[in-house]
Amino acid sequence: MDGAVLNDFVGVGHNILALLYIFGSHFLFVMTHYTPGLHLLATFKSDGYLLSHTVGCKEVFDALIVSLALTKTGEVYHTFDNGGFTASVCLTESHVSIHTWPEYNLATFDVFLSNFRHDNSDKVRHFYEETIQYFNAEVLTLHEIIR
């Protein structure tokens, strides 16, 4: 039955309400409610060596992605002539990024995971805490945004 509503509201996880329609033999999922996710943005100080160690950061990020059951869709790691690096990892859940300036012992970092299927706030906090621990960082600023 084209355009018929199969279910008025289908619960996906515990935070999402959705409409599910059928069009011929195709289904259309329409999200009608979204619970915002946690986005952490930090600036921290760390040892210049760690802030130049792209491979070490990638190993930590990869291990965290696996241990937290996240799904990587792409990544870019770029090392600059001064030894600093920038990295951005795209996830089906959203992203993680870091930018380092070893000459200033400084880095910026952010992690955001959406709450599409379930609340990922604990995973965001864990990713942040493990990153800060790896860099033996002194956090200068931390912003928590619910979006």
N, C-alpha and C. Protein backbone atom coordinates (compact mmCIF):
# COMPACT_ATOMS: atom_id res chain seq x y z
N MET A 1 0.85 -1.17 0.00
CA MET A 1 0.00 0.00 0.00
C MET A 1 0.90 1.23 0.00
N ASP A 2 1.02 1.94 -1.09
CA ASP A 2 1.91 3.08 -1.24
C ASP A 2 1.57 4.19 -0.27
N GLY A 3 2.62 4.70 0.38
CA GLY A 3 2.45 5.83 1.28
C GLY A 3 1.78 5.49 2.59
N ALA A 4 1.46 4.23 2.82
CA ALA A 4 0.80 3.86 4.07
C ALA A 4 1.78 3.91 5.23
N VAL A 5 1.30 4.33 6.35
CA VAL A 5 2.13 4.36 7.55
C VAL A 5 2.10 2.97 8.16
N LEU A 6 3.27 2.32 8.23
CA LEU A 6 3.33 1.00 8.85
C LEU A 6 3.15 1.12 10.35
N ASN A 7 3.89 2.02 10.94
CA ASN A 7 3.78 2.27 12.38
C ASN A 7 3.83 3.78 12.56
N ASP A 8 2.96 4.30 13.41
CA ASP A 8 2.99 5.74 13.64
C ASP A 8 4.34 6.15 14.20
N PHE A 9 4.78 5.48 15.21
CA PHE A 9 6.09 5.78 15.80
C PHE A 9 6.82 4.47 16.07
N VAL A 10 8.04 4.42 15.60
CA VAL A 10 8.88 3.26 15.81
C VAL A 10 10.02 3.72 16.70
N GLY A 11 10.20 3.09 17.84
CA GLY A 11 11.30 3.45 18.72
C GLY A 11 12.60 2.90 18.18
N VAL A 12 13.60 3.72 18.01
CA VAL A 12 14.93 3.29 17.60
C VAL A 12 15.84 3.68 18.75
N GLY A 13 16.39 2.70 19.44
CA GLY A 13 17.12 3.00 20.65
C GLY A 13 16.10 3.48 21.67
N HIS A 14 16.51 4.31 22.59
CA HIS A 14 15.57 4.84 23.57
C HIS A 14 15.41 6.35 23.46
N ASN A 15 16.06 6.98 22.49
CA ASN A 15 16.01 8.42 22.36
C ASN A 15 15.39 8.91 21.06
N ILE A 16 15.09 8.02 20.15
CA ILE A 16 14.65 8.44 18.82
C ILE A 16 13.22 7.99 18.58
N LEU A 17 12.42 8.88 18.03
CA LEU A 17 11.11 8.51 17.52
C LEU A 17 11.16 8.68 16.02
N ALA A 18 10.53 7.78 15.31
CA ALA A 18 10.62 7.85 13.85
C ALA A 18 9.32 7.40 13.21
N LEU A 19 9.10 7.85 12.00
CA LEU A 19 8.00 7.38 11.18
C LEU A 19 8.57 6.43 10.14
N LEU A 20 7.87 5.36 9.88
CA LEU A 20 8.30 4.41 8.86
C LEU A 20 7.18 4.30 7.82
N TYR A 21 7.49 4.63 6.59
CA TYR A 21 6.54 4.58 5.50
C TYR A 21 6.95 3.50 4.51
N ILE A 22 5.99 2.97 3.79
CA ILE A 22 6.29 2.02 2.73
C ILE A 22 5.81 2.61 1.41
N PHE A 23 6.67 2.57 0.41
CA PHE A 23 6.36 3.03 -0.94
C PHE A 23 6.65 1.87 -1.88
N GLY A 24 5.63 1.20 -2.30
CA GLY A 24 5.84 0.02 -3.13
C GLY A 24 6.62 -0.99 -2.31
N SER A 25 7.80 -1.36 -2.79
CA SER A 25 8.63 -2.33 -2.07
C SER A 25 9.77 -1.64 -1.32
N HIS A 26 9.73 -0.29 -1.20
CA HIS A 26 10.78 0.46 -0.54
C HIS A 26 10.28 1.06 0.78
N PHE A 27 11.16 1.08 1.75
CA PHE A 27 10.84 1.69 3.03
C PHE A 27 11.52 3.04 3.14
N LEU A 28 10.88 3.97 3.79
CA LEU A 28 11.44 5.28 4.03
C LEU A 28 11.42 5.53 5.53
N PHE A 29 12.58 5.75 6.10
CA PHE A 29 12.72 6.02 7.52
C PHE A 29 12.84 7.53 7.70
N VAL A 30 11.95 8.13 8.46
CA VAL A 30 11.96 9.56 8.68
C VAL A 30 12.12 9.83 10.17
N MET A 31 13.22 10.46 10.55
CA MET A 31 13.47 10.76 11.95
C MET A 31 12.60 11.94 12.36
N THR A 32 11.89 11.80 13.48
CA THR A 32 11.03 12.88 13.95
C THR A 32 11.47 13.44 15.29
N HIS A 33 12.45 12.81 15.92
CA HIS A 33 12.96 13.28 17.21
C HIS A 33 14.43 12.88 17.33
N TYR A 34 15.23 13.80 17.83
CA TYR A 34 16.66 13.51 17.99
C TYR A 34 17.11 14.03 19.34
N THR A 35 17.84 13.22 20.08
CA THR A 35 18.43 13.65 21.33
C THR A 35 19.84 14.13 21.04
N PRO A 36 20.14 15.40 21.31
CA PRO A 36 21.46 15.95 20.99
C PRO A 36 22.59 15.17 21.66
N GLY A 37 23.75 15.16 20.97
CA GLY A 37 24.93 14.47 21.47
C GLY A 37 25.89 15.43 22.16
N LEU A 38 26.91 14.85 22.77
CA LEU A 38 27.92 15.60 23.50
C LEU A 38 29.12 15.86 22.59
N HIS A 39 29.56 17.12 22.54
CA HIS A 39 30.74 17.54 21.78
C HIS A 39 31.70 18.17 22.77
N LEU A 40 32.89 17.58 22.92
CA LEU A 40 33.92 18.12 23.80
C LEU A 40 35.01 18.76 22.96
N LEU A 41 35.38 19.99 23.32
CA LEU A 41 36.46 20.72 22.65
C LEU A 41 37.45 21.16 23.71
N ALA A 42 38.72 20.82 23.52
CA ALA A 42 39.73 21.11 24.53
C ALA A 42 40.97 21.73 23.89
N THR A 43 41.64 22.55 24.69
CA THR A 43 42.99 23.03 24.39
C THR A 43 43.85 22.55 25.53
N PHE A 44 45.00 21.95 25.20
CA PHE A 44 45.86 21.45 26.27
C PHE A 44 47.33 21.63 25.95
N LYS A 45 48.12 21.59 27.03
CA LYS A 45 49.58 21.63 26.92
C LYS A 45 50.10 20.21 27.07
N SER A 46 51.20 19.93 26.37
CA SER A 46 51.81 18.61 26.45
C SER A 46 53.26 18.71 26.01
N ASP A 47 53.97 17.63 26.19
CA ASP A 47 55.37 17.53 25.76
C ASP A 47 55.47 17.64 24.24
N GLY A 48 56.42 18.42 23.76
CA GLY A 48 56.60 18.62 22.32
C GLY A 48 56.82 17.32 21.56
N TYR A 49 57.49 16.34 22.19
CA TYR A 49 57.72 15.07 21.51
C TYR A 49 56.39 14.38 21.21
N LEU A 50 55.52 14.27 22.20
CA LEU A 50 54.23 13.61 21.97
C LEU A 50 53.39 14.36 20.94
N LEU A 51 53.52 15.67 20.94
CA LEU A 51 52.75 16.48 19.99
C LEU A 51 53.32 16.40 18.58
N SER A 52 54.46 15.74 18.42
CA SER A 52 55.07 15.50 17.11
C SER A 52 54.92 14.05 16.67
N HIS A 53 54.35 13.22 17.52
CA HIS A 53 54.32 11.77 17.29
C HIS A 53 52.98 11.35 16.67
N THR A 54 52.85 11.60 15.39
CA THR A 54 51.62 11.30 14.67
C THR A 54 51.25 9.82 14.79
N VAL A 55 52.23 8.94 14.63
CA VAL A 55 51.96 7.50 14.65
C VAL A 55 51.39 7.07 16.00
N GLY A 56 51.95 7.60 17.09
CA GLY A 56 51.44 7.25 18.42
C GLY A 56 50.00 7.69 18.61
N CYS A 57 49.68 8.88 18.15
CA CYS A 57 48.31 9.39 18.25
C CYS A 57 47.36 8.50 17.45
N LYS A 58 47.77 8.15 16.24
CA LYS A 58 46.93 7.29 15.40
C LYS A 58 46.68 5.94 16.07
N GLU A 59 47.71 5.38 16.68
CA GLU A 59 47.55 4.10 17.37
C GLU A 59 46.55 4.22 18.52
N VAL A 60 46.63 5.30 19.28
CA VAL A 60 45.69 5.52 20.39
C VAL A 60 44.28 5.70 19.87
N PHE A 61 44.11 6.56 18.86
CA PHE A 61 42.78 6.78 18.29
C PHE A 61 42.20 5.48 17.74
N ASP A 62 43.00 4.71 16.99
CA ASP A 62 42.51 3.45 16.42
C ASP A 62 42.09 2.47 17.52
N ALA A 63 42.88 2.37 18.58
CA ALA A 63 42.54 1.47 19.68
C ALA A 63 41.26 1.90 20.37
N LEU A 64 41.09 3.20 20.56
CA LEU A 64 39.87 3.71 21.19
C LEU A 64 38.65 3.46 20.31
N ILE A 65 38.80 3.66 19.02
CA ILE A 65 37.69 3.42 18.10
C ILE A 65 37.24 1.96 18.18
N VAL A 66 38.19 1.04 18.22
CA VAL A 66 37.85 -0.39 18.33
C VAL A 66 37.23 -0.69 19.69
N SER A 67 37.87 -0.24 20.76
CA SER A 67 37.38 -0.59 22.10
C SER A 67 36.01 0.01 22.40
N LEU A 68 35.69 1.13 21.78
CA LEU A 68 34.38 1.77 22.01
C LEU A 68 33.34 1.35 20.97
N ALA A 69 33.72 0.42 20.10
CA ALA A 69 32.82 -0.11 19.06
C ALA A 69 32.28 1.01 18.17
N LEU A 70 33.17 1.92 17.78
CA LEU A 70 32.82 2.98 16.84
C LEU A 70 33.19 2.52 15.43
N THR A 71 32.69 3.21 14.43
CA THR A 71 32.94 2.80 13.04
C THR A 71 33.63 3.93 12.29
N LYS A 72 34.89 3.67 11.91
CA LYS A 72 35.67 4.65 11.16
C LYS A 72 35.27 4.59 9.69
N THR A 73 35.02 5.78 9.10
CA THR A 73 34.69 5.84 7.68
C THR A 73 35.80 6.48 6.86
N GLY A 74 36.73 7.14 7.52
CA GLY A 74 37.84 7.77 6.82
C GLY A 74 38.74 8.50 7.80
N GLU A 75 39.96 8.81 7.36
CA GLU A 75 40.89 9.52 8.24
C GLU A 75 41.93 10.25 7.40
N VAL A 76 42.42 11.34 7.97
CA VAL A 76 43.53 12.07 7.38
C VAL A 76 44.46 12.45 8.51
N TYR A 77 45.73 12.11 8.36
CA TYR A 77 46.79 12.53 9.27
C TYR A 77 47.82 13.27 8.42
N HIS A 78 48.11 14.50 8.78
CA HIS A 78 49.07 15.29 8.02
C HIS A 78 50.12 15.84 8.98
N THR A 79 51.39 15.60 8.68
CA THR A 79 52.49 16.10 9.49
C THR A 79 53.10 17.33 8.82
N PHE A 80 53.30 18.38 9.60
CA PHE A 80 53.87 19.62 9.10
C PHE A 80 55.39 19.61 9.24
N ASP A 81 56.07 20.50 8.54
CA ASP A 81 57.53 20.59 8.57
C ASP A 81 58.09 20.81 9.97
N ASN A 82 57.35 21.50 10.82
CA ASN A 82 57.82 21.76 12.19
C ASN A 82 57.60 20.57 13.11
N GLY A 83 57.01 19.48 12.60
CA GLY A 83 56.76 18.29 13.41
C GLY A 83 55.36 18.20 13.95
N GLY A 84 54.62 19.30 13.94
CA GLY A 84 53.23 19.25 14.37
C GLY A 84 52.40 18.45 13.39
N PHE A 85 51.21 18.11 13.80
CA PHE A 85 50.34 17.38 12.89
C PHE A 85 48.89 17.77 13.12
N THR A 86 48.09 17.46 12.13
CA THR A 86 46.65 17.61 12.22
C THR A 86 46.04 16.28 11.82
N ALA A 87 44.98 15.92 12.49
CA ALA A 87 44.32 14.65 12.18
C ALA A 87 42.82 14.84 12.31
N SER A 88 42.12 14.20 11.41
CA SER A 88 40.67 14.18 11.45
C SER A 88 40.22 12.77 11.11
N VAL A 89 39.43 12.21 12.00
CA VAL A 89 38.91 10.86 11.80
C VAL A 89 37.39 10.96 11.71
N CYS A 90 36.87 10.55 10.58
CA CYS A 90 35.41 10.54 10.38
C CYS A 90 34.86 9.21 10.86
N LEU A 91 33.77 9.29 11.58
CA LEU A 91 33.11 8.11 12.12
C LEU A 91 31.65 8.12 11.67
N THR A 92 31.03 6.96 11.60
CA THR A 92 29.60 6.97 11.31
C THR A 92 28.87 7.74 12.40
N GLU A 93 29.44 7.75 13.60
CA GLU A 93 28.84 8.45 14.73
C GLU A 93 29.16 9.94 14.72
N SER A 94 30.20 10.38 14.04
CA SER A 94 30.58 11.77 13.78
C SER A 94 32.08 11.88 13.57
N HIS A 95 32.86 12.44 14.55
CA HIS A 95 34.28 12.69 14.26
C HIS A 95 35.13 12.89 15.52
N VAL A 96 36.45 12.81 15.29
CA VAL A 96 37.48 13.14 16.27
C VAL A 96 38.53 13.94 15.51
N SER A 97 39.06 15.01 16.11
CA SER A 97 40.14 15.74 15.45
C SER A 97 41.12 16.29 16.47
N ILE A 98 42.35 16.49 16.00
CA ILE A 98 43.40 17.07 16.84
C ILE A 98 44.33 17.90 15.95
N HIS A 99 44.83 18.98 16.50
CA HIS A 99 45.80 19.85 15.83
C HIS A 99 46.88 20.17 16.85
N THR A 100 48.15 19.96 16.47
CA THR A 100 49.24 20.15 17.45
C THR A 100 50.24 21.20 16.99
N TRP A 101 50.81 21.88 17.98
CA TRP A 101 51.88 22.86 17.77
C TRP A 101 52.98 22.53 18.78
N PRO A 102 53.87 21.60 18.43
CA PRO A 102 54.90 21.18 19.39
C PRO A 102 55.83 22.32 19.80
N GLU A 103 56.04 23.29 18.92
CA GLU A 103 56.92 24.42 19.26
C GLU A 103 56.34 25.27 20.39
N TYR A 104 55.03 25.13 20.63
CA TYR A 104 54.37 25.85 21.74
C TYR A 104 53.87 24.89 22.83
N ASN A 105 54.17 23.59 22.66
CA ASN A 105 53.65 22.56 23.58
C ASN A 105 52.13 22.64 23.71
N LEU A 106 51.45 22.83 22.59
CA LEU A 106 50.03 23.12 22.59
C LEU A 106 49.27 22.25 21.58
N ALA A 107 48.04 21.91 21.94
CA ALA A 107 47.18 21.15 21.02
C ALA A 107 45.72 21.54 21.25
N THR A 108 44.93 21.38 20.19
CA THR A 108 43.48 21.47 20.31
C THR A 108 42.92 20.11 19.89
N PHE A 109 41.83 19.73 20.53
CA PHE A 109 41.26 18.40 20.33
C PHE A 109 39.74 18.51 20.44
N ASP A 110 39.05 17.75 19.61
CA ASP A 110 37.60 17.65 19.82
C ASP A 110 37.10 16.28 19.43
N VAL A 111 36.02 15.89 20.10
CA VAL A 111 35.36 14.62 19.81
C VAL A 111 33.86 14.86 19.94
N PHE A 112 33.12 14.39 18.93
CA PHE A 112 31.67 14.48 18.93
C PHE A 112 31.12 13.16 18.44
N LEU A 113 30.15 12.63 19.16
CA LEU A 113 29.43 11.43 18.74
C LEU A 113 27.95 11.74 18.84
N SER A 114 27.22 11.51 17.78
CA SER A 114 25.79 11.77 17.81
C SER A 114 25.10 10.71 18.68
N ASN A 115 23.88 10.99 19.02
CA ASN A 115 23.08 10.06 19.82
C ASN A 115 21.96 9.46 18.98
N PHE A 116 22.24 9.20 17.72
CA PHE A 116 21.20 8.73 16.81
C PHE A 116 20.52 7.46 17.32
N ARG A 117 21.27 6.45 17.66
CA ARG A 117 20.67 5.18 18.10
C ARG A 117 20.67 5.01 19.62
N HIS A 118 21.61 5.65 20.31
CA HIS A 118 21.67 5.56 21.77
C HIS A 118 22.59 6.67 22.29
N ASP A 119 22.55 6.88 23.58
CA ASP A 119 23.35 7.93 24.19
C ASP A 119 24.83 7.53 24.19
N ASN A 120 25.65 8.32 23.51
CA ASN A 120 27.09 8.06 23.41
C ASN A 120 27.93 8.96 24.30
N SER A 121 27.32 9.66 25.23
CA SER A 121 28.04 10.61 26.07
C SER A 121 29.19 9.96 26.83
N ASP A 122 28.98 8.77 27.36
CA ASP A 122 30.05 8.08 28.10
C ASP A 122 31.23 7.76 27.17
N LYS A 123 30.94 7.40 25.93
CA LYS A 123 32.01 7.11 24.96
C LYS A 123 32.79 8.38 24.63
N VAL A 124 32.10 9.51 24.50
CA VAL A 124 32.77 10.78 24.24
C VAL A 124 33.72 11.10 25.39
N ARG A 125 33.22 11.00 26.61
CA ARG A 125 34.05 11.30 27.79
C ARG A 125 35.26 10.36 27.89
N HIS A 126 35.02 9.08 27.60
CA HIS A 126 36.11 8.10 27.65
C HIS A 126 37.18 8.42 26.60
N PHE A 127 36.75 8.73 25.37
CA PHE A 127 37.70 9.06 24.31
C PHE A 127 38.53 10.27 24.72
N TYR A 128 37.87 11.28 25.25
CA TYR A 128 38.55 12.49 25.71
C TYR A 128 39.56 12.16 26.82
N GLU A 129 39.11 11.46 27.85
CA GLU A 129 39.98 11.15 28.99
C GLU A 129 41.20 10.34 28.58
N GLU A 130 41.02 9.36 27.71
CA GLU A 130 42.15 8.54 27.26
C GLU A 130 43.12 9.35 26.40
N THR A 131 42.61 10.27 25.62
CA THR A 131 43.47 11.14 24.81
C THR A 131 44.30 12.05 25.71
N ILE A 132 43.65 12.65 26.69
CA ILE A 132 44.35 13.52 27.65
C ILE A 132 45.41 12.72 28.41
N GLN A 133 45.08 11.50 28.79
CA GLN A 133 46.04 10.65 29.50
C GLN A 133 47.23 10.31 28.59
N TYR A 134 46.98 9.93 27.33
CA TYR A 134 48.07 9.59 26.42
C TYR A 134 49.05 10.75 26.28
N PHE A 135 48.52 11.96 26.13
CA PHE A 135 49.38 13.12 25.94
C PHE A 135 49.92 13.68 27.27
N ASN A 136 49.55 13.03 28.38
CA ASN A 136 49.96 13.52 29.70
C ASN A 136 49.72 15.03 29.76
N ALA A 137 48.51 15.41 29.40
CA ALA A 137 48.18 16.80 29.11
C ALA A 137 47.74 17.58 30.34
N GLU A 138 48.02 18.86 30.27
CA GLU A 138 47.48 19.84 31.20
C GLU A 138 46.39 20.58 30.42
N VAL A 139 45.15 20.35 30.80
CA VAL A 139 44.03 20.94 30.08
C VAL A 139 43.93 22.43 30.42
N LEU A 140 43.94 23.24 29.38
CA LEU A 140 43.82 24.70 29.54
C LEU A 140 42.37 25.15 29.43
N THR A 141 41.65 24.60 28.48
CA THR A 141 40.22 24.90 28.32
C THR A 141 39.50 23.62 27.93
N LEU A 142 38.26 23.53 28.39
CA LEU A 142 37.40 22.41 28.00
C LEU A 142 35.98 22.97 27.86
N HIS A 143 35.40 22.76 26.68
CA HIS A 143 34.04 23.19 26.42
C HIS A 143 33.18 21.96 26.15
N GLU A 144 32.06 21.90 26.80
CA GLU A 144 31.09 20.83 26.57
C GLU A 144 29.88 21.44 25.90
N ILE A 145 29.57 20.95 24.71
CA ILE A 145 28.44 21.46 23.95
C ILE A 145 27.48 20.31 23.71
N ILE A 146 26.22 20.54 24.00
CA ILE A 146 25.20 19.55 23.70
C ILE A 146 24.56 20.03 22.39
N ARG A 147 24.70 19.19 21.34
CA ARG A 147 24.15 19.60 20.05
C ARG A 147 23.66 18.40 19.26
